[in-house]
Protein backbone atom coordinates (compact mmCIF):
# COMPACT_ATOMS: atom_id res chain seq x y z
CA ILE A 1 110.42 102.67 -39.57
CA VAL A 2 112.07 105.70 -38.07
CA ARG A 3 115.19 106.69 -39.96
CA ARG A 4 118.07 108.27 -38.14
CA ASP A 5 119.43 111.59 -39.39
CA PRO A 6 122.83 110.80 -40.99
CA THR A 7 124.27 114.19 -39.96
CA THR A 8 123.63 113.60 -36.25
CA ARG A 9 126.44 112.18 -34.13
CA GLY A 10 126.07 110.38 -30.83
CA PHE A 11 122.87 109.34 -29.08
CA THR A 12 119.57 110.94 -30.04
CA VAL A 13 116.08 109.86 -29.08
CA LEU A 14 114.12 108.62 -32.07
CA PRO A 15 110.42 109.52 -32.01
CA ARG A 16 107.91 106.74 -31.27
CA ARG A 17 110.53 104.01 -31.41
CA TRP A 18 110.28 103.45 -27.66
CA THR A 19 106.63 102.41 -27.96
CA VAL A 20 107.54 99.55 -30.28
CA GLU A 21 110.44 98.43 -28.10
CA ARG A 22 108.26 98.60 -24.98
CA THR A 23 105.52 96.51 -26.60
CA LEU A 24 108.03 93.90 -27.78
CA GLY A 25 109.42 93.78 -24.25
CA TRP A 26 105.94 93.08 -22.86
CA LEU A 27 105.44 90.32 -25.41
CA MET A 28 108.75 88.65 -24.50
CA ASN A 29 107.42 88.11 -20.96
CA HIS A 30 105.30 85.32 -22.44
CA ARG A 31 107.32 82.12 -22.60
CA ARG A 32 105.74 80.85 -25.79
CA LEU A 33 106.81 83.98 -27.66
CA ALA A 34 110.39 84.00 -26.34
CA ARG A 35 111.26 81.30 -28.88
CA ASP A 36 109.82 80.62 -32.31
CA TYR A 37 107.96 77.36 -31.70
CA GLU A 38 105.29 77.84 -34.33
CA ALA A 39 105.60 76.44 -37.86
CA HIS A 40 102.99 78.69 -39.45
CA PRO A 41 102.77 82.51 -39.32
CA HIS A 42 99.06 82.50 -38.49
CA ARG A 43 99.79 80.51 -35.31
CA SER A 44 102.46 82.99 -34.28
CA GLU A 45 100.00 85.81 -34.88
CA ALA A 46 97.42 84.02 -32.76
CA MET A 47 99.91 83.64 -29.90
CA ILE A 48 100.67 87.36 -30.05
CA HIS A 49 96.94 88.08 -29.82
CA VAL A 50 96.64 85.76 -26.81
CA ALA A 51 99.61 87.42 -25.12
CA MET A 52 98.17 90.91 -25.63
CA ILE A 53 94.73 89.80 -24.41
CA ASN A 54 96.40 88.37 -21.31
CA LEU A 55 98.30 91.61 -20.74
CA MET A 56 95.22 93.79 -21.13
CA THR A 57 93.00 91.64 -18.89
CA ARG A 58 95.62 91.68 -16.14
CA ARG A 59 95.77 95.46 -16.39
CA LEU A 60 91.99 95.83 -16.30
CA THR A 61 91.61 93.57 -13.26
CA ALA A 62 94.80 94.84 -11.55
CA GLU A 63 95.80 91.23 -10.95
CA SER A 64 99.45 90.61 -10.23
CA THR A 65 100.40 87.03 -11.02
CA PRO A 66 103.96 85.71 -11.11
CA THR A 67 105.47 85.21 -14.54
CA TRP A 68 107.40 82.18 -15.73
CA ARG A 69 110.60 84.10 -15.10
CA GLY A 70 109.79 84.38 -11.40
CA ALA A 71 109.79 88.17 -11.36
């Protein structure tokens, strides 16, 4: 957790926070993770692993497949 300096006013870039937000954005491209369908935490963890494996294999093979959002 990156704490914000209480003396700073306005917008300031917080270090390393963008990497977490970017990764969560990539995960939300997977329909199953957009909602919490799973009843057990270990199933949710497994779906996150599957989503990241899917992301990494598409990057390694440079395959561009349409997503469920149609983008």
